[in-house]
Protein backbone atom coordinates (compact mmCIF):
# COMPACT_ATOMS: atom_id res chain seq x y z
CA UNK A 1 0.00 0.00 0.00
CA UNK A 2 1.43 3.41 -0.92
CA UNK A 3 2.36 5.64 2.02
CA UNK A 4 -0.24 8.26 1.08
CA UNK A 5 -2.97 5.60 1.16
CA UNK A 6 -1.69 4.15 4.43
CA UNK A 7 -2.17 7.48 6.24
CA UNK A 8 -5.81 7.65 5.19
CA UNK A 9 -6.36 3.99 6.01
CA UNK A 10 -4.91 4.37 9.51
CA UNK A 11 -6.94 7.53 10.08
CA UNK A 12 -10.08 5.64 9.10
CA UNK A 13 -9.23 2.83 11.51
CA UNK A 14 -8.73 5.30 14.34
CA UNK A 15 -11.98 7.16 13.64
CA UNK A 16 -13.86 3.86 13.37
CA UNK A 17 -12.39 2.69 16.68
CA UNK A 18 -13.30 6.04 18.33
CA UNK A 19 -16.90 5.80 17.13
CA UNK A 20 -17.20 2.13 18.15
CA UNK A 21 -15.78 2.85 21.62
CA UNK A 22 -18.13 5.82 22.06
CA UNK A 23 -21.10 3.64 21.11
CA UNK A 24 -19.99 0.92 23.54
CA UNK A 25 -19.56 3.46 26.32
CA UNK A 26 -22.60 5.71 25.74
CA UNK A 27 -25.00 3.51 23.80
CA UNK A 28 -26.56 4.52 20.47
CA UNK A 29 -24.98 7.60 18.93
CA UNK A 30 -28.23 9.33 18.12
CA UNK A 31 -28.15 13.12 18.08
CA UNK A 32 -24.55 14.29 18.50
CA UNK A 33 -22.98 17.69 17.98
CA UNK A 34 -19.43 17.54 16.60
CA UNK A 35 -17.35 20.69 17.11
CA UNK A 36 -14.00 20.96 15.35
CA UNK A 37 -12.26 21.28 12.01
CA UNK A 38 -14.78 20.66 9.22
CA UNK A 39 -12.62 18.04 7.50
CA UNK A 40 -12.36 15.99 10.68
CA UNK A 41 -15.96 16.42 11.86
CA UNK A 42 -17.08 15.35 8.39
CA UNK A 43 -15.17 12.08 8.70
CA UNK A 44 -16.53 11.45 12.20
CA UNK A 45 -20.03 12.35 11.01
CA UNK A 46 -19.77 9.82 8.18
CA UNK A 47 -18.64 7.11 10.60
CA UNK A 48 -21.49 7.93 12.99
CA UNK A 49 -24.00 7.86 10.12
CA UNK A 50 -22.63 4.45 9.11
CA UNK A 51 -23.68 3.15 12.54
CA UNK A 52 -27.18 4.63 12.13
CA UNK A 53 -26.55 7.72 14.22
CA UNK A 54 -27.01 11.38 13.41
CA UNK A 55 -24.69 14.30 13.99
CA UNK A 56 -24.62 18.04 13.56
CA UNK A 57 -21.27 19.51 12.56
CA UNK A 58 -20.19 22.89 13.94
CA UNK A 59 -17.02 24.60 12.74
CA UNK A 60 -14.73 24.95 15.76
CA UNK A 61 -13.31 28.33 14.76
CA UNK A 62 -16.79 29.75 14.27
CA UNK A 63 -17.94 28.36 17.63
CA UNK A 64 -15.00 29.96 19.44
CA UNK A 65 -15.54 33.32 17.76
CA UNK A 66 -19.26 33.23 18.54
CA UNK A 67 -18.52 32.46 22.19
CA UNK A 68 -15.93 35.22 22.48
CA UNK A 69 -18.27 37.68 20.83
CA UNK A 70 -21.07 36.75 23.23
CA UNK A 71 -18.77 37.16 26.22
CA UNK A 72 -17.36 40.46 25.04
CA UNK A 73 -20.86 41.87 24.66
CA UNK A 74 -21.82 40.86 28.19
CA UNK A 75 -18.74 41.96 30.10
CA UNK A 76 -17.05 44.55 27.90
CA UNK A 77 -19.58 46.45 25.88
CA UNK A 78 -16.83 48.55 24.29
CA UNK A 79 -14.80 45.49 23.14
CA UNK A 80 -15.86 43.41 20.14
CA UNK A 81 -14.38 40.40 18.39
CA UNK A 82 -14.18 40.74 14.62
CA UNK A 83 -13.54 37.84 12.29
C-alpha atoms as a PDB file:
ATOM      1  CA  UNK A   1       0.000   0.000   0.000  1.00  0.00           C
ATOM      2  CA  UNK A   2       1.432   3.406  -0.918  1.00  0.00           C
ATOM      3  CA  UNK A   3       2.362   5.641   2.024  1.00  0.00           C
ATOM      4  CA  UNK A   4      -0.245   8.258   1.081  1.00  0.00           C
ATOM      5  CA  UNK A   5      -2.970   5.601   1.163  1.00  0.00           C
ATOM      6  CA  UNK A   6      -1.687   4.149   4.431  1.00  0.00           C
ATOM      7  CA  UNK A   7      -2.170   7.477   6.237  1.00  0.00           C
ATOM      8  CA  UNK A   8      -5.814   7.651   5.188  1.00  0.00           C
ATOM      9  CA  UNK A   9      -6.365   3.987   6.006  1.00  0.00           C
ATOM     10  CA  UNK A  10      -4.913   4.370   9.508  1.00  0.00           C
ATOM     11  CA  UNK A  11      -6.943   7.529  10.081  1.00  0.00           C
ATOM     12  CA  UNK A  12     -10.083   5.641   9.099  1.00  0.00           C
ATOM     13  CA  UNK A  13      -9.233   2.827  11.505  1.00  0.00           C
ATOM     14  CA  UNK A  14      -8.730   5.304  14.342  1.00  0.00           C
ATOM     15  CA  UNK A  15     -11.980   7.161  13.638  1.00  0.00           C
ATOM     16  CA  UNK A  16     -13.861   3.860  13.374  1.00  0.00           C
ATOM     17  CA  UNK A  17     -12.385   2.695  16.681  1.00  0.00           C
ATOM     18  CA  UNK A  18     -13.302   6.036  18.333  1.00  0.00           C
ATOM     19  CA  UNK A  19     -16.898   5.798  17.134  1.00  0.00           C
ATOM     20  CA  UNK A  20     -17.198   2.128  18.146  1.00  0.00           C
ATOM     21  CA  UNK A  21     -15.781   2.848  21.618  1.00  0.00           C
ATOM     22  CA  UNK A  22     -18.127   5.820  22.056  1.00  0.00           C
ATOM     23  CA  UNK A  23     -21.103   3.644  21.106  1.00  0.00           C
ATOM     24  CA  UNK A  24     -19.987   0.922  23.538  1.00  0.00           C
ATOM     25  CA  UNK A  25     -19.557   3.464  26.323  1.00  0.00           C
ATOM     26  CA  UNK A  26     -22.595   5.708  25.743  1.00  0.00           C
ATOM     27  CA  UNK A  27     -25.004   3.514  23.797  1.00  0.00           C
ATOM     28  CA  UNK A  28     -26.561   4.522  20.471  1.00  0.00           C
ATOM     29  CA  UNK A  29     -24.977   7.602  18.928  1.00  0.00           C
ATOM     30  CA  UNK A  30     -28.235   9.332  18.118  1.00  0.00           C
ATOM     31  CA  UNK A  31     -28.154  13.115  18.076  1.00  0.00           C
ATOM     32  CA  UNK A  32     -24.546  14.288  18.500  1.00  0.00           C
ATOM     33  CA  UNK A  33     -22.980  17.689  17.975  1.00  0.00           C
ATOM     34  CA  UNK A  34     -19.434  17.545  16.601  1.00  0.00           C
ATOM     35  CA  UNK A  35     -17.350  20.689  17.105  1.00  0.00           C
ATOM     36  CA  UNK A  36     -13.996  20.965  15.355  1.00  0.00           C
ATOM     37  CA  UNK A  37     -12.260  21.282  12.014  1.00  0.00           C
ATOM     38  CA  UNK A  38     -14.780  20.659   9.218  1.00  0.00           C
ATOM     39  CA  UNK A  39     -12.622  18.037   7.496  1.00  0.00           C
ATOM     40  CA  UNK A  40     -12.362  15.992  10.679  1.00  0.00           C
ATOM     41  CA  UNK A  41     -15.956  16.420  11.863  1.00  0.00           C
ATOM     42  CA  UNK A  42     -17.080  15.351   8.392  1.00  0.00           C
ATOM     43  CA  UNK A  43     -15.174  12.084   8.700  1.00  0.00           C
ATOM     44  CA  UNK A  44     -16.528  11.447  12.198  1.00  0.00           C
ATOM     45  CA  UNK A  45     -20.032  12.346  11.009  1.00  0.00           C
ATOM     46  CA  UNK A  46     -19.770   9.823   8.179  1.00  0.00           C
ATOM     47  CA  UNK A  47     -18.639   7.111  10.600  1.00  0.00           C
ATOM     48  CA  UNK A  48     -21.489   7.927  12.985  1.00  0.00           C
ATOM     49  CA  UNK A  49     -24.001   7.859  10.116  1.00  0.00           C
ATOM     50  CA  UNK A  50     -22.634   4.447   9.108  1.00  0.00           C
ATOM     51  CA  UNK A  51     -23.685   3.147  12.544  1.00  0.00           C
ATOM     52  CA  UNK A  52     -27.176   4.629  12.125  1.00  0.00           C
ATOM     53  CA  UNK A  53     -26.550   7.723  14.225  1.00  0.00           C
ATOM     54  CA  UNK A  54     -27.011  11.377  13.406  1.00  0.00           C
ATOM     55  CA  UNK A  55     -24.691  14.296  13.992  1.00  0.00           C
ATOM     56  CA  UNK A  56     -24.619  18.035  13.563  1.00  0.00           C
ATOM     57  CA  UNK A  57     -21.270  19.510  12.561  1.00  0.00           C
ATOM     58  CA  UNK A  58     -20.188  22.893  13.943  1.00  0.00           C
ATOM     59  CA  UNK A  59     -17.022  24.604  12.738  1.00  0.00           C
ATOM     60  CA  UNK A  60     -14.735  24.946  15.764  1.00  0.00           C
ATOM     61  CA  UNK A  61     -13.312  28.327  14.763  1.00  0.00           C
ATOM     62  CA  UNK A  62     -16.792  29.752  14.271  1.00  0.00           C
ATOM     63  CA  UNK A  63     -17.935  28.364  17.626  1.00  0.00           C
ATOM     64  CA  UNK A  64     -14.998  29.961  19.443  1.00  0.00           C
ATOM     65  CA  UNK A  65     -15.537  33.324  17.761  1.00  0.00           C
ATOM     66  CA  UNK A  66     -19.258  33.232  18.536  1.00  0.00           C
ATOM     67  CA  UNK A  67     -18.523  32.458  22.188  1.00  0.00           C
ATOM     68  CA  UNK A  68     -15.926  35.222  22.481  1.00  0.00           C
ATOM     69  CA  UNK A  69     -18.275  37.682  20.830  1.00  0.00           C
ATOM     70  CA  UNK A  70     -21.070  36.748  23.234  1.00  0.00           C
ATOM     71  CA  UNK A  71     -18.768  37.162  26.221  1.00  0.00           C
ATOM     72  CA  UNK A  72     -17.356  40.464  25.038  1.00  0.00           C
ATOM     73  CA  UNK A  73     -20.858  41.867  24.662  1.00  0.00           C
ATOM     74  CA  UNK A  74     -21.818  40.856  28.190  1.00  0.00           C
ATOM     75  CA  UNK A  75     -18.740  41.964  30.096  1.00  0.00           C
ATOM     76  CA  UNK A  76     -17.048  44.549  27.898  1.00  0.00           C
ATOM     77  CA  UNK A  77     -19.582  46.448  25.884  1.00  0.00           C
ATOM     78  CA  UNK A  78     -16.829  48.551  24.290  1.00  0.00           C
ATOM     79  CA  UNK A  79     -14.804  45.486  23.136  1.00  0.00           C
ATOM     80  CA  UNK A  80     -15.862  43.408  20.137  1.00  0.00           C
ATOM     81  CA  UNK A  81     -14.379  40.400  18.390  1.00  0.00           C
ATOM     82  CA  UNK A  82     -14.183  40.739  14.620  1.00  0.00           C
ATOM     83  CA  UNK A  83     -13.544  37.836  12.294  1.00  0.00           C
END
